[in-house]
Structure formats: C-alpha cells, structure tokens
C-alpha cells in the first residue's frame, strides 16, 4: 500500500528539503498531489521514448527517484536490445526504487539502477534522455554543464525530455495561487504547503520557460517544443538534429 504524505503536518522550526527515506516512502503520493499533470507527463514520456528510441542505444532517466518514469518507459519500449539506465544520487530513493521494482518485475528486469550524481554521469550512445523535475534541483551555475553533457552524449536524432516547475513571467501570481489551490484541493493544509515551500527555498532553483529555452539552445539543441503546460509546470522535448 502506498503511504500518504504527512511529513509536514506538524510545525517544523527549520531544515532544508532532503530526499531521504521518509520522503522516498511517500514520494508517489507526494508528487501526484503536488504536481498538476504528473501522471500524464510520466505516461507520455514513455510514449515519446517508444517513438524516438534507436536500436542498441541507451535511455537515461536522470534523477529517477523511485522509478515512476522508468516504469512508464518499460510499459512502452519493447526493444530488447536497448538499455534503460536510471540514476539518482539519493540512496534512499534508489533503495525504494529497487524494492518497488523487485516486487513488481522480479530480479531480472532489464534496467540498470545506479546511485550516482547526475552531474558525474557519463552519457553515451543515448537516443532518449529524461530530466523529469530534476534540473530544478541543480544550481544554476551547473545547469548548462549537464545539458551540454547530455547533448554530447545523444545520438543524432535523439531527444531530451525536460520537465520543470517554472517561474511565471506574469506579475499577478495567477499560476502561483492556482497551484496553491490545487494542493489544498488534494488535502494539503496551508501549514503543510508553506512549510514545504520554505524547506525547498534553498535547494530548488526555478527559472522561466525563456531561461530554459535559452540554456537548451546554447547547449546545442536547435529545436525545442513545449508539449505540456499546466499552470507553472511544463515539459519540453528538444532534439539533437540529424
């Protein structure tokens, strides 16, 4: 049974956000109640992976958390000669990922699960790379570095799927207020919402859609499509041209 996120129900005096064991245990509930369209994004990533995967190539799920996107890729991609490589730097997330997948697929599922910092990941022979709400947790000074590494490791015709929370360029806070109401409608209290925002403040580096497009262009990607937006949450698909 999936555990419900109640980590911020009590008043917390201090501390920054950490992807620890407690978070890993409630992560599935947390993201579905906090991120509008999360299930649609995850499912469609699997679909796009099927469309763009190349024979004998690698698919990278960078910042894989507990494996939700990887599971979507397994559902859609049937190419047995392709390898799925799922990476996260949180040992607690990786442990939860392995436990979930072992229970569902047994010990022989064809996914390489690695505990590693995505900044140190060597991207090779990739046809699909996914950063699903991962880049936003990397400091701005390192974001272009990882995007360039991904571009260099992609095969021609390969894609990067980048999902992010973005900073609205409107000054009326329309999306911010709507997102808060979304979380309230999913059972979070005002205290829980404010405490999580405070804990995320120093570890989550949100940028605008324009800034994300700029980084992608200057990392080598010449064609980028916004395929999903729900309030201040987006997903882009960007191509390494033939």
Protein backbone atom coordinates (compact mmCIF):
# COMPACT_ATOMS: atom_id res chain seq x y z
CA UNK A 1 0.00 0.00 0.00
CA UNK A 2 1.30 3.46 -0.95
CA UNK A 3 1.90 5.70 2.06
CA UNK A 4 0.27 9.11 2.32
CA UNK A 5 2.43 12.20 2.60
CA UNK A 6 2.03 13.64 6.08
CA UNK A 7 5.61 14.80 6.58
CA UNK A 8 4.78 18.47 7.05
CA UNK A 9 1.61 18.17 9.11
CA UNK A 10 3.41 19.19 12.29
CA UNK A 11 5.10 22.55 12.72
CA UNK A 12 8.77 22.37 11.70
CA UNK A 13 11.17 25.00 13.02
CA UNK A 14 13.99 24.65 10.48
CA UNK A 15 15.69 22.50 7.87
CA UNK A 16 16.08 22.27 4.10
CA UNK A 17 14.44 19.70 1.87
CA UNK A 18 16.15 16.32 1.60
CA UNK A 19 15.27 13.27 -0.49
CA UNK A 20 15.64 10.92 2.46
CA UNK A 21 13.95 7.67 3.48
CA UNK A 22 10.81 9.38 4.79
CA UNK A 23 10.36 11.25 1.52
CA UNK A 24 11.04 8.15 -0.59
CA UNK A 25 8.32 6.22 1.24
CA UNK A 26 5.64 8.82 0.44
CA UNK A 27 7.08 10.12 -2.84
CA UNK A 28 4.41 8.59 -5.08
CA UNK A 29 1.60 10.24 -3.11
CA UNK A 30 3.54 13.49 -2.77
CA UNK A 31 4.21 14.15 -6.43
CA UNK A 32 0.71 13.21 -7.58
CA UNK A 33 -0.85 15.57 -5.02
CA UNK A 34 1.69 18.37 -5.59
CA UNK A 35 2.42 18.45 -9.33
CA UNK A 36 -0.50 19.07 -11.69
CA UNK A 37 -0.49 16.57 -14.55
CA UNK A 38 2.31 14.42 -13.13
CA UNK A 39 0.73 11.14 -14.25
CA UNK A 40 0.06 12.49 -17.75
CA UNK A 41 3.66 13.66 -18.05
CA UNK A 42 5.07 10.32 -16.88
CA UNK A 43 2.85 8.31 -19.21
CA UNK A 44 3.63 10.50 -22.22
CA UNK A 45 7.37 10.28 -21.57
CA UNK A 46 7.06 6.53 -22.06
CA UNK A 47 5.18 7.12 -25.31
CA UNK A 48 7.79 9.56 -26.64
CA UNK A 49 10.56 7.16 -25.64
CA UNK A 50 8.95 4.48 -27.79
CA UNK A 51 8.81 6.85 -30.75
CA UNK A 52 12.44 8.00 -30.58
CA UNK A 53 14.41 5.08 -29.14
CA UNK A 54 17.08 3.81 -31.52
CA UNK A 55 18.26 0.20 -31.85
CA UNK A 56 21.07 -0.81 -29.47
CA UNK A 57 21.05 2.56 -27.72
CA UNK A 58 20.62 3.76 -24.14
CA UNK A 59 17.71 5.53 -22.45
CA UNK A 60 18.71 7.60 -19.40
CA UNK A 61 16.29 8.53 -16.64
CA UNK A 62 18.31 11.12 -14.72
CA UNK A 63 17.01 11.86 -11.25
CA UNK A 64 14.80 8.79 -11.44
CA UNK A 65 13.55 8.99 -7.81
CA UNK A 66 11.56 5.82 -7.10
CA UNK A 67 11.23 4.85 -10.76
CA UNK A 68 7.84 6.12 -11.91
CA UNK A 69 9.10 7.36 -15.29
CA UNK A 70 11.27 4.29 -15.77
CA UNK A 71 8.18 2.16 -15.27
CA UNK A 72 6.39 4.13 -18.00
CA UNK A 73 9.33 3.54 -20.35
CA UNK A 74 9.21 -0.21 -19.65
CA UNK A 75 5.49 -0.17 -20.46
CA UNK A 76 6.03 1.41 -23.89
CA UNK A 77 9.52 0.45 -25.06
CA UNK A 78 9.72 -3.17 -26.16
CA UNK A 79 13.12 -3.04 -27.87
CA UNK A 80 15.04 -5.77 -26.06
CA UNK A 81 18.37 -4.55 -27.44
CA UNK A 82 18.03 -1.18 -25.69
CA UNK A 83 19.20 -0.46 -22.15
CA UNK A 84 17.40 1.72 -19.61
CA UNK A 85 19.76 3.42 -17.17
CA UNK A 86 18.10 5.01 -14.14
CA UNK A 87 20.17 7.27 -11.92
CA UNK A 88 19.60 9.16 -8.69
CA UNK A 89 22.03 10.46 -6.08
CA UNK A 90 19.72 9.67 -3.16
CA UNK A 91 20.49 6.23 -1.75
CA UNK A 92 17.05 6.19 -0.08
CA UNK A 93 15.31 6.84 -3.39
CA UNK A 94 17.35 4.12 -5.09
CA UNK A 95 16.58 1.63 -2.32
CA UNK A 96 12.85 2.35 -2.61
CA UNK A 97 13.10 2.08 -6.41
CA UNK A 98 14.77 -1.34 -6.21
CA UNK A 99 12.25 -2.60 -3.67
CA UNK A 100 9.27 -1.50 -5.76
CA UNK A 101 10.66 -2.95 -8.96
CA UNK A 102 11.75 -6.21 -7.40
CA UNK A 103 8.22 -6.71 -6.07
CA UNK A 104 6.67 -5.96 -9.46
CA UNK A 105 9.13 -7.34 -12.00
CA UNK A 106 11.34 -9.74 -10.05
CA UNK A 107 15.12 -9.64 -10.05
CA UNK A 108 15.57 -9.94 -13.82
CA UNK A 109 14.05 -6.74 -15.17
CA UNK A 110 16.38 -5.14 -17.71
CA UNK A 111 17.05 -1.80 -16.02
CA UNK A 112 20.38 -0.62 -14.68
CA UNK A 113 19.71 1.29 -11.44
CA UNK A 114 22.59 3.41 -10.20
CA UNK A 115 23.21 5.65 -7.22
CA UNK A 116 25.15 8.50 -8.76
CA UNK A 117 25.16 12.27 -9.01
CA UNK A 118 23.76 13.13 -12.44
CA UNK A 119 26.48 15.78 -12.78
CA UNK A 120 29.00 12.93 -12.85
CA UNK A 121 27.04 10.63 -15.15
CA UNK A 122 28.74 9.71 -18.39
CA UNK A 123 26.07 9.91 -21.13
CA UNK A 124 26.91 7.59 -24.01
CA UNK A 125 25.08 6.23 -27.07
CA UNK A 126 21.82 7.79 -25.88
CA UNK A 127 18.71 8.11 -28.01
CA UNK A 128 16.47 9.33 -25.15
CA UNK A 129 17.42 11.28 -22.01
CA UNK A 130 14.90 12.35 -19.38
CA UNK A 131 15.21 15.09 -16.77
CA UNK A 132 11.80 14.87 -15.13
CA UNK A 133 11.73 17.61 -12.48
CA UNK A 134 15.46 17.09 -11.90
CA UNK A 135 17.21 20.12 -13.38
CA UNK A 136 15.36 22.42 -10.99
CA UNK A 137 17.35 20.91 -8.11
CA UNK A 138 20.69 21.69 -9.75
CA UNK A 139 22.32 25.04 -9.07
CA UNK A 140 22.09 27.49 -12.00
CA UNK A 141 25.88 27.54 -12.40
CA UNK A 142 25.79 23.79 -13.20
CA UNK A 143 22.66 23.56 -15.34
CA UNK A 144 24.30 24.36 -18.67
CA UNK A 145 27.11 21.94 -17.82
CA UNK A 146 24.77 18.98 -17.52
CA UNK A 147 22.76 19.97 -20.60
CA UNK A 148 25.92 20.12 -22.69
CA UNK A 149 26.98 16.69 -21.40
CA UNK A 150 23.60 15.32 -22.41
CA UNK A 151 23.78 16.92 -25.85
CA UNK A 152 27.24 15.50 -26.47
CA UNK A 153 26.11 12.02 -25.35
CA UNK A 154 22.99 11.95 -27.50
CA UNK A 155 23.00 10.27 -30.88
CA UNK A 156 21.80 12.33 -33.82
CA UNK A 157 18.02 12.18 -33.92
CA UNK A 158 17.95 11.67 -30.15
CA UNK A 159 15.78 13.63 -27.74
CA UNK A 160 15.91 15.17 -24.29
CA UNK A 161 12.66 15.48 -22.35
CA UNK A 162 12.87 18.23 -19.74
CA UNK A 163 10.08 18.69 -17.19
CA UNK A 164 10.32 21.62 -14.78
CA UNK A 165 8.45 23.85 -12.44
CA UNK A 166 8.94 27.30 -13.94
CA UNK A 167 8.82 30.83 -12.69
CA UNK A 168 5.87 32.70 -14.14
CA UNK A 169 6.69 35.88 -16.01
CA UNK A 170 3.28 37.30 -15.03
CA UNK A 171 3.23 39.60 -12.06
CA UNK A 172 -0.32 38.78 -10.96
CA UNK A 173 0.57 35.45 -9.24
CA UNK A 174 -2.31 33.76 -11.10
CA UNK A 175 -0.49 30.42 -11.51
CA UNK A 176 1.05 30.52 -8.03
CA UNK A 177 -2.35 30.98 -6.41
CA UNK A 178 -3.96 28.33 -8.63
CA UNK A 179 -1.21 25.85 -7.73
CA UNK A 180 -1.78 26.50 -4.04
CA UNK A 181 -5.50 25.84 -4.53
CA UNK A 182 -4.61 22.63 -6.41
CA UNK A 183 -2.65 21.37 -3.38
CA UNK A 184 -5.39 22.44 -0.97
CA UNK A 185 -7.92 20.51 -3.06
CA UNK A 186 -5.69 17.43 -2.74
CA UNK A 187 -5.81 17.54 1.05
CA UNK A 188 -2.73 19.55 1.97
CA UNK A 189 -3.17 22.21 4.64
CA UNK A 190 -1.93 25.79 4.44
CA UNK A 191 0.71 24.89 7.05
CA UNK A 192 1.96 21.92 5.03
CA UNK A 193 2.18 23.99 1.86
CA UNK A 194 4.03 26.89 3.48
CA UNK A 195 6.48 24.62 5.32
CA UNK A 196 7.38 22.67 2.20
CA UNK A 197 7.88 25.90 0.25
CA UNK A 198 10.23 27.15 2.96
CA UNK A 199 12.24 23.91 3.01
CA UNK A 200 12.55 23.90 -0.79
CA UNK A 201 13.66 27.53 -0.99
CA UNK A 202 17.41 26.84 -0.77
CA UNK A 203 17.52 23.64 -2.84
CA UNK A 204 15.11 24.31 -5.71
CA UNK A 205 16.23 26.77 -8.39
CA UNK A 206 13.24 27.62 -10.57
CA UNK A 207 13.68 29.52 -13.82
CA UNK A 208 11.33 30.78 -16.54
CA UNK A 209 10.45 28.95 -19.75
CA UNK A 210 12.53 31.53 -21.61
CA UNK A 211 15.59 30.76 -19.48
CA UNK A 212 15.16 27.03 -20.03
CA UNK A 213 14.91 27.51 -23.79
CA UNK A 214 17.99 29.74 -23.74
CA UNK A 215 20.03 27.12 -21.89
CA UNK A 216 18.94 24.38 -24.28
CA UNK A 217 19.81 26.46 -27.35
CA UNK A 218 23.25 27.38 -26.02
CA UNK A 219 23.90 23.75 -25.11
CA UNK A 220 23.49 22.73 -28.77
CA UNK A 221 19.79 21.96 -29.11
CA UNK A 222 18.29 23.81 -32.05
CA UNK A 223 14.65 22.67 -31.95
CA UNK A 224 12.59 22.69 -28.76
CA UNK A 225 8.86 22.09 -28.41
CA UNK A 226 6.67 22.87 -25.42
CA UNK A 227 4.40 19.83 -25.34
CA UNK A 228 2.88 20.19 -21.87
CA UNK A 229 1.94 23.04 -19.59
CA UNK A 230 -0.35 23.06 -16.58
CA UNK A 231 -0.07 26.28 -14.56
CA UNK A 232 3.64 26.73 -13.70
CA UNK A 233 4.63 23.16 -14.61
CA UNK A 234 5.93 22.39 -18.09
CA UNK A 235 7.59 19.70 -20.15
CA UNK A 236 9.76 20.36 -23.19
CA UNK A 237 11.00 17.95 -25.82
CA UNK A 238 14.20 19.04 -27.53
CA UNK A 239 16.01 17.39 -30.42
CA UNK A 240 19.58 16.71 -31.49
CA UNK A 241 19.12 17.24 -35.19
CA UNK A 242 20.28 14.73 -37.79
